[in-house]
Every structure is written in C-alpha cells, then in structure tokens.
Amino acid sequence: MAIANFAYSPSSLTVGKGTKVTWTNDDSAPHTVTSDGSGPLHSPSLDRGGSFSYTFDSAGTFSYYCTVHPNMHGTVVVK
C-alpha cells in the first residue's frame, strides 16, 4: 500500500487471512499506520521511503489512521 499525497492508496483493501500487507511512505512528510481503538496496527513514524508490514491472521475490518495527520484514514477488510 502506498502512502502518497497525504492519503493511503488504496484507502480500502480486501485480503484473505494470512496476508501480509506493507505500507510504504512515498511522501516527504512522516506518517504512521495506527489502528483506531485497540486494534493491532501500531507503526513507528515512517519517514520517506520507510515501510511497515503486518500479517492479518484473523478475519475482520481493521480501520486505521495517521497520528501525525489524523484526517488520513484507511481500512483493511480480512475475509
């Protein structure tokens, strides 16, 4: 998944259980991938070219945002 132009692209992704998803920051500004609530996504601050990966082992809908830019949102749906 790309992080570019202050957005996650695509903003919604559907994958199967066991899929590893990687986010890569293509922006000059730092970003994070952080779950809403108590979800499993907690990346460090990603500078340009930095990446964060997570393997989704359970089904569900996982919403996340950027703690640096809270208007950035995304969702991963795991089936």
C-alpha atoms as a PDB file:
ATOM      1  CA  MET A   1       0.000   0.000   0.000  1.00  0.00           C
ATOM      2  CA  ALA A   2       1.300   3.428  -0.853  1.00  0.00           C
ATOM      3  CA  ILE A   3       1.206   6.464   1.383  1.00  0.00           C
ATOM      4  CA  ALA A   4       1.258   9.393  -1.027  1.00  0.00           C
ATOM      5  CA  ASN A   5      -0.228  12.866  -1.275  1.00  0.00           C
ATOM      6  CA  PHE A   6      -1.316  12.614   2.379  1.00  0.00           C
ATOM      7  CA  ALA A   7      -3.514   9.571   1.671  1.00  0.00           C
ATOM      8  CA  TYR A   8      -3.372   5.781   1.891  1.00  0.00           C
ATOM      9  CA  SER A   9      -3.731   4.205  -1.534  1.00  0.00           C
ATOM     10  CA  PRO A  10      -5.962   2.350  -1.867  1.00  0.00           C
ATOM     11  CA  SER A  11      -7.977   3.701   1.042  1.00  0.00           C
ATOM     12  CA  SER A  12      -9.693   0.317   1.431  1.00  0.00           C
ATOM     13  CA  LEU A  13      -8.126  -3.071   0.779  1.00  0.00           C
ATOM     14  CA  THR A  14      -9.697  -6.552   0.989  1.00  0.00           C
ATOM     15  CA  VAL A  15      -7.385  -9.515   1.647  1.00  0.00           C
ATOM     16  CA  GLY A  16      -7.583 -13.127   2.816  1.00  0.00           C
ATOM     17  CA  LYS A  17      -6.494 -14.343   6.261  1.00  0.00           C
ATOM     18  CA  GLY A  18      -2.740 -14.778   6.470  1.00  0.00           C
ATOM     19  CA  THR A  19      -1.990 -11.923   4.063  1.00  0.00           C
ATOM     20  CA  LYS A  20       0.958  -9.651   4.826  1.00  0.00           C
ATOM     21  CA  VAL A  21       0.250  -6.017   3.972  1.00  0.00           C
ATOM     22  CA  THR A  22       3.077  -3.489   3.634  1.00  0.00           C
ATOM     23  CA  TRP A  23       2.625   0.282   3.699  1.00  0.00           C
ATOM     24  CA  THR A  24       5.405   2.417   2.170  1.00  0.00           C
ATOM     25  CA  ASN A  25       5.645   6.164   2.694  1.00  0.00           C
ATOM     26  CA  ASP A  26       6.184   7.978  -0.603  1.00  0.00           C
ATOM     27  CA  ASP A  27       5.545  11.433   0.915  1.00  0.00           C
ATOM     28  CA  SER A  28       8.197  13.845   2.167  1.00  0.00           C
ATOM     29  CA  ALA A  29       6.264  14.178   5.462  1.00  0.00           C
ATOM     30  CA  PRO A  30       6.325  11.446   8.142  1.00  0.00           C
ATOM     31  CA  HIS A  31       3.239   9.241   8.581  1.00  0.00           C
ATOM     32  CA  THR A  32       2.051   6.353  10.770  1.00  0.00           C
ATOM     33  CA  VAL A  33      -0.284   3.386  10.365  1.00  0.00           C
ATOM     34  CA  THR A  34      -2.206   3.267  13.653  1.00  0.00           C
ATOM     35  CA  SER A  35      -5.347   1.291  14.475  1.00  0.00           C
ATOM     36  CA  ASP A  36      -8.497   3.024  15.591  1.00  0.00           C
ATOM     37  CA  GLY A  37      -9.216   1.967  19.181  1.00  0.00           C
ATOM     38  CA  SER A  38      -7.311  -1.084  20.400  1.00  0.00           C
ATOM     39  CA  GLY A  39      -6.551  -2.677  17.018  1.00  0.00           C
ATOM     40  CA  PRO A  40      -3.251  -4.341  16.084  1.00  0.00           C
ATOM     41  CA  LEU A  41      -1.649  -1.696  13.853  1.00  0.00           C
ATOM     42  CA  HIS A  42       0.978   0.450  15.572  1.00  0.00           C
ATOM     43  CA  SER A  43       3.737   1.546  13.206  1.00  0.00           C
ATOM     44  CA  PRO A  44       6.549   3.843  14.187  1.00  0.00           C
ATOM     45  CA  SER A  45       6.760   7.195  12.425  1.00  0.00           C
ATOM     46  CA  LEU A  46       7.660   6.414   8.809  1.00  0.00           C
ATOM     47  CA  ASP A  47       9.905   8.869   7.002  1.00  0.00           C
ATOM     48  CA  ARG A  48      10.004   8.996   3.192  1.00  0.00           C
ATOM     49  CA  GLY A  49      10.865   5.503   1.901  1.00  0.00           C
ATOM     50  CA  GLY A  50      10.054   3.882   5.245  1.00  0.00           C
ATOM     51  CA  SER A  51       7.730   0.897   5.399  1.00  0.00           C
ATOM     52  CA  PHE A  52       5.634  -1.043   7.901  1.00  0.00           C
ATOM     53  CA  SER A  53       4.243  -4.564   7.450  1.00  0.00           C
ATOM     54  CA  TYR A  54       1.571  -6.523   9.296  1.00  0.00           C
ATOM     55  CA  THR A  55       0.213 -10.038   8.696  1.00  0.00           C
ATOM     56  CA  PHE A  56      -3.550 -10.278   9.208  1.00  0.00           C
ATOM     57  CA  ASP A  57      -4.265 -13.673  10.774  1.00  0.00           C
ATOM     58  CA  SER A  58      -7.910 -13.121  11.715  1.00  0.00           C
ATOM     59  CA  ALA A  59     -10.978 -12.008   9.805  1.00  0.00           C
ATOM     60  CA  GLY A  60     -12.471  -8.607  10.439  1.00  0.00           C
ATOM     61  CA  THR A  61     -12.430  -4.966   9.455  1.00  0.00           C
ATOM     62  CA  PHE A  62      -9.371  -3.036  10.595  1.00  0.00           C
ATOM     63  CA  SER A  63      -9.608   0.763  10.464  1.00  0.00           C
ATOM     64  CA  TYR A  64      -6.507   2.890  10.847  1.00  0.00           C
ATOM     65  CA  TYR A  65      -5.268   6.463  10.616  1.00  0.00           C
ATOM     66  CA  CYS A  66      -2.110   8.580  10.728  1.00  0.00           C
ATOM     67  CA  THR A  67      -1.352  10.007  14.185  1.00  0.00           C
ATOM     68  CA  VAL A  68       0.606  12.872  12.587  1.00  0.00           C
ATOM     69  CA  HIS A  69      -2.206  13.736  10.133  1.00  0.00           C
ATOM     70  CA  PRO A  70      -5.476  12.463  11.735  1.00  0.00           C
ATOM     71  CA  ASN A  71      -7.504  13.298   8.607  1.00  0.00           C
ATOM     72  CA  MET A  72      -5.805  10.349   6.841  1.00  0.00           C
ATOM     73  CA  HIS A  73      -7.850   7.132   7.165  1.00  0.00           C
ATOM     74  CA  GLY A  74      -7.784   3.643   5.685  1.00  0.00           C
ATOM     75  CA  THR A  75      -9.365   0.223   6.126  1.00  0.00           C
ATOM     76  CA  VAL A  76      -8.249  -3.360   5.625  1.00  0.00           C
ATOM     77  CA  VAL A  77     -11.021  -5.963   5.348  1.00  0.00           C
ATOM     78  CA  VAL A  78      -9.833  -9.516   6.064  1.00  0.00           C
ATOM     79  CA  LYS A  79     -12.000 -12.429   4.895  1.00  0.00           C
END
